[in-house]
Amino acid sequence: MVSLGVSVYLAQGPVQDAVVEIERERMAALRLQGQAVAYYAPGRKKDSDTALSELIAKYQTSAAFQIGDVYAFRKEPRQSI
């Protein structure tokens, strides 16, 4: 699940605040997960894809849940499993 701060910003806006909030995350895998979600929300799919690709490349075994969470947020269920 994306961090509470990011979830609040995504729900209440503005989305840019979610991007700022996620940049504060110290754990790289969680930061990439948050970026992938925060960029996707306003339609920045290319930026979201970049963050997700990096998340997969670097943390495919240790952050499988976070990767699935991004795909679920993006409503891409086949990839989320």
N, C-alpha and C. Protein backbone atom coordinates (compact mmCIF):
# COMPACT_ATOMS: atom_id res chain seq x y z
N MET A 1 0.85 -1.17 0.00
CA MET A 1 0.00 0.00 0.00
C MET A 1 0.90 1.23 0.00
N VAL A 2 0.52 2.20 -0.77
CA VAL A 2 1.26 3.46 -0.85
C VAL A 2 1.16 4.15 0.50
N SER A 3 2.17 4.93 0.88
CA SER A 3 2.19 5.57 2.19
C SER A 3 0.95 6.41 2.42
N LEU A 4 0.60 6.56 3.68
CA LEU A 4 -0.60 7.31 4.06
C LEU A 4 -0.56 8.74 3.54
N GLY A 5 0.59 9.39 3.66
CA GLY A 5 0.70 10.77 3.19
C GLY A 5 0.42 10.91 1.72
N VAL A 6 0.96 10.00 0.93
CA VAL A 6 0.74 10.02 -0.51
C VAL A 6 -0.73 9.74 -0.81
N SER A 7 -1.31 8.77 -0.13
CA SER A 7 -2.72 8.43 -0.34
C SER A 7 -3.63 9.62 -0.05
N VAL A 8 -3.33 10.35 1.00
CA VAL A 8 -4.14 11.53 1.35
C VAL A 8 -4.02 12.59 0.26
N TYR A 9 -2.81 12.86 -0.19
CA TYR A 9 -2.63 13.85 -1.25
C TYR A 9 -3.33 13.43 -2.54
N LEU A 10 -3.27 12.14 -2.87
CA LEU A 10 -3.93 11.67 -4.09
C LEU A 10 -5.44 11.79 -3.97
N ALA A 11 -5.97 11.56 -2.78
CA ALA A 11 -7.41 11.62 -2.56
C ALA A 11 -7.93 13.05 -2.49
N GLN A 12 -7.14 13.93 -1.88
CA GLN A 12 -7.62 15.29 -1.63
C GLN A 12 -6.96 16.34 -2.50
N GLY A 13 -5.89 15.95 -3.19
CA GLY A 13 -5.21 16.88 -4.10
C GLY A 13 -4.49 17.98 -3.37
N PRO A 14 -3.72 18.79 -4.02
CA PRO A 14 -3.30 18.57 -5.40
C PRO A 14 -2.29 17.44 -5.52
N VAL A 15 -2.31 16.79 -6.66
CA VAL A 15 -1.47 15.61 -6.88
C VAL A 15 0.01 15.96 -6.76
N GLN A 16 0.39 17.16 -7.14
CA GLN A 16 1.80 17.56 -7.05
C GLN A 16 2.31 17.43 -5.61
N ASP A 17 1.43 17.64 -4.64
CA ASP A 17 1.85 17.48 -3.25
C ASP A 17 2.22 16.03 -2.94
N ALA A 18 1.56 15.08 -3.61
CA ALA A 18 1.91 13.68 -3.42
C ALA A 18 3.32 13.41 -3.93
N VAL A 19 3.66 14.01 -5.05
CA VAL A 19 5.01 13.84 -5.61
C VAL A 19 6.05 14.41 -4.64
N VAL A 20 5.78 15.57 -4.09
CA VAL A 20 6.70 16.18 -3.13
C VAL A 20 6.83 15.29 -1.89
N GLU A 21 5.71 14.78 -1.41
CA GLU A 21 5.72 13.93 -0.22
C GLU A 21 6.53 12.65 -0.46
N ILE A 22 6.36 12.03 -1.60
CA ILE A 22 7.05 10.76 -1.84
C ILE A 22 8.55 10.96 -1.99
N GLU A 23 8.98 12.12 -2.42
CA GLU A 23 10.42 12.38 -2.53
C GLU A 23 11.10 12.37 -1.17
N ARG A 24 10.34 12.50 -0.10
CA ARG A 24 10.89 12.47 1.26
C ARG A 24 11.16 11.04 1.74
N GLU A 25 10.59 10.06 1.05
CA GLU A 25 10.75 8.66 1.46
C GLU A 25 12.22 8.25 1.35
N ARG A 26 12.74 7.67 2.43
CA ARG A 26 14.15 7.29 2.46
C ARG A 26 14.42 5.93 1.82
N MET A 27 13.46 5.04 1.88
CA MET A 27 13.64 3.70 1.30
C MET A 27 13.37 3.78 -0.21
N ALA A 28 14.38 3.44 -0.98
CA ALA A 28 14.32 3.61 -2.44
C ALA A 28 13.16 2.84 -3.07
N ALA A 29 12.92 1.61 -2.65
CA ALA A 29 11.83 0.83 -3.24
C ALA A 29 10.48 1.48 -2.98
N LEU A 30 10.28 1.99 -1.78
CA LEU A 30 9.02 2.65 -1.45
C LEU A 30 8.89 3.98 -2.18
N ARG A 31 10.00 4.67 -2.35
CA ARG A 31 9.99 5.94 -3.10
C ARG A 31 9.61 5.69 -4.56
N LEU A 32 10.18 4.65 -5.17
CA LEU A 32 9.85 4.33 -6.56
C LEU A 32 8.40 3.91 -6.69
N GLN A 33 7.91 3.13 -5.74
CA GLN A 33 6.50 2.74 -5.74
C GLN A 33 5.61 3.99 -5.69
N GLY A 34 5.92 4.87 -4.78
CA GLY A 34 5.14 6.10 -4.63
C GLY A 34 5.21 6.97 -5.87
N GLN A 35 6.37 7.06 -6.47
CA GLN A 35 6.51 7.84 -7.70
C GLN A 35 5.66 7.25 -8.81
N ALA A 36 5.70 5.94 -8.95
CA ALA A 36 4.93 5.29 -10.01
C ALA A 36 3.44 5.58 -9.85
N VAL A 37 2.95 5.58 -8.63
CA VAL A 37 1.54 5.87 -8.36
C VAL A 37 1.25 7.36 -8.51
N ALA A 38 2.08 8.19 -7.90
CA ALA A 38 1.83 9.63 -7.91
C ALA A 38 1.93 10.22 -9.33
N TYR A 39 2.81 9.69 -10.14
CA TYR A 39 2.91 10.17 -11.52
C TYR A 39 1.75 9.67 -12.38
N TYR A 40 1.28 8.47 -12.09
CA TYR A 40 0.19 7.90 -12.89
C TYR A 40 -1.12 8.64 -12.65
N ALA A 41 -1.37 9.05 -11.42
CA ALA A 41 -2.65 9.68 -11.07
C ALA A 41 -3.01 10.87 -11.95
N PRO A 42 -2.09 11.79 -12.25
CA PRO A 42 -2.46 12.93 -13.11
C PRO A 42 -2.24 12.66 -14.61
N GLY A 43 -1.96 11.41 -14.96
CA GLY A 43 -1.80 11.08 -16.37
C GLY A 43 -0.37 11.11 -16.89
N ARG A 44 0.60 11.13 -15.99
CA ARG A 44 2.00 11.13 -16.42
C ARG A 44 2.49 9.69 -16.53
N LYS A 45 1.88 8.93 -17.46
CA LYS A 45 2.15 7.51 -17.60
C LYS A 45 3.61 7.21 -17.91
N LYS A 46 4.22 8.00 -18.75
CA LYS A 46 5.62 7.76 -19.11
C LYS A 46 6.52 7.85 -17.86
N ASP A 47 6.30 8.87 -17.03
CA ASP A 47 7.07 9.00 -15.79
C ASP A 47 6.77 7.84 -14.84
N SER A 48 5.49 7.46 -14.78
CA SER A 48 5.09 6.32 -13.95
C SER A 48 5.77 5.05 -14.44
N ASP A 49 5.78 4.84 -15.75
CA ASP A 49 6.43 3.66 -16.33
C ASP A 49 7.92 3.62 -16.00
N THR A 50 8.55 4.78 -16.04
CA THR A 50 9.98 4.86 -15.73
C THR A 50 10.25 4.45 -14.29
N ALA A 51 9.46 4.97 -13.35
CA ALA A 51 9.63 4.62 -11.94
C ALA A 51 9.33 3.14 -11.72
N LEU A 52 8.28 2.64 -12.35
CA LEU A 52 7.93 1.23 -12.19
C LEU A 52 9.01 0.33 -12.78
N SER A 53 9.53 0.68 -13.93
CA SER A 53 10.60 -0.11 -14.55
C SER A 53 11.83 -0.18 -13.65
N GLU A 54 12.18 0.94 -13.04
CA GLU A 54 13.33 0.95 -12.13
C GLU A 54 13.04 0.12 -10.88
N LEU A 55 11.82 0.21 -10.38
CA LEU A 55 11.42 -0.59 -9.22
C LEU A 55 11.55 -2.08 -9.53
N ILE A 56 11.09 -2.48 -10.69
CA ILE A 56 11.18 -3.89 -11.08
C ILE A 56 12.64 -4.30 -11.28
N ALA A 57 13.41 -3.48 -11.98
CA ALA A 57 14.81 -3.82 -12.27
C ALA A 57 15.64 -3.99 -11.00
N LYS A 58 15.41 -3.15 -10.03
CA LYS A 58 16.25 -3.16 -8.84
C LYS A 58 15.70 -4.02 -7.70
N TYR A 59 14.38 -4.18 -7.63
CA TYR A 59 13.77 -4.78 -6.43
C TYR A 59 12.72 -5.85 -6.76
N GLN A 60 12.86 -6.54 -7.89
CA GLN A 60 11.82 -7.46 -8.30
C GLN A 60 11.54 -8.57 -7.28
N THR A 61 12.53 -8.98 -6.53
CA THR A 61 12.28 -10.04 -5.54
C THR A 61 11.94 -9.49 -4.17
N SER A 62 12.55 -8.40 -3.79
CA SER A 62 12.32 -7.88 -2.44
C SER A 62 11.14 -6.92 -2.33
N ALA A 63 10.61 -6.45 -3.45
CA ALA A 63 9.49 -5.51 -3.41
C ALA A 63 8.35 -5.97 -4.32
N ALA A 64 8.13 -7.27 -4.35
CA ALA A 64 7.06 -7.81 -5.20
C ALA A 64 5.70 -7.23 -4.83
N PHE A 65 5.45 -7.06 -3.54
CA PHE A 65 4.17 -6.49 -3.10
C PHE A 65 4.00 -5.07 -3.62
N GLN A 66 5.04 -4.27 -3.52
CA GLN A 66 4.98 -2.88 -3.98
C GLN A 66 4.75 -2.82 -5.49
N ILE A 67 5.39 -3.71 -6.23
CA ILE A 67 5.19 -3.75 -7.68
C ILE A 67 3.74 -4.10 -7.99
N GLY A 68 3.21 -5.11 -7.31
CA GLY A 68 1.81 -5.49 -7.50
C GLY A 68 0.87 -4.36 -7.13
N ASP A 69 1.21 -3.62 -6.09
CA ASP A 69 0.38 -2.50 -5.66
C ASP A 69 0.30 -1.42 -6.74
N VAL A 70 1.42 -1.15 -7.39
CA VAL A 70 1.43 -0.16 -8.48
C VAL A 70 0.52 -0.62 -9.61
N TYR A 71 0.68 -1.88 -10.02
CA TYR A 71 -0.17 -2.40 -11.10
C TYR A 71 -1.64 -2.37 -10.71
N ALA A 72 -1.95 -2.69 -9.47
CA ALA A 72 -3.34 -2.64 -9.02
C ALA A 72 -3.88 -1.22 -9.07
N PHE A 73 -3.08 -0.26 -8.64
CA PHE A 73 -3.50 1.15 -8.69
C PHE A 73 -3.78 1.56 -10.13
N ARG A 74 -2.95 1.07 -11.04
CA ARG A 74 -3.10 1.42 -12.45
C ARG A 74 -4.18 0.61 -13.15
N LYS A 75 -4.86 -0.24 -12.38
CA LYS A 75 -5.91 -1.11 -12.92
C LYS A 75 -5.39 -2.00 -14.04
N GLU A 76 -4.25 -2.61 -13.78
CA GLU A 76 -3.61 -3.56 -14.70
C GLU A 76 -3.49 -4.89 -13.95
N PRO A 77 -4.64 -5.57 -13.76
CA PRO A 77 -4.66 -6.75 -12.88
C PRO A 77 -3.79 -7.91 -13.34
N ARG A 78 -3.61 -8.09 -14.62
CA ARG A 78 -2.80 -9.23 -15.08
C ARG A 78 -1.36 -9.10 -14.59
N GLN A 79 -0.83 -7.89 -14.55
CA GLN A 79 0.53 -7.70 -14.10
C GLN A 79 0.63 -7.67 -12.59
N SER A 80 -0.47 -7.38 -11.89
CA SER A 80 -0.40 -7.20 -10.44
C SER A 80 -0.23 -8.51 -9.68
N ILE A 81 -0.41 -9.61 -10.34
CA ILE A 81 -0.30 -10.91 -9.65
C ILE A 81 1.11 -11.45 -9.80
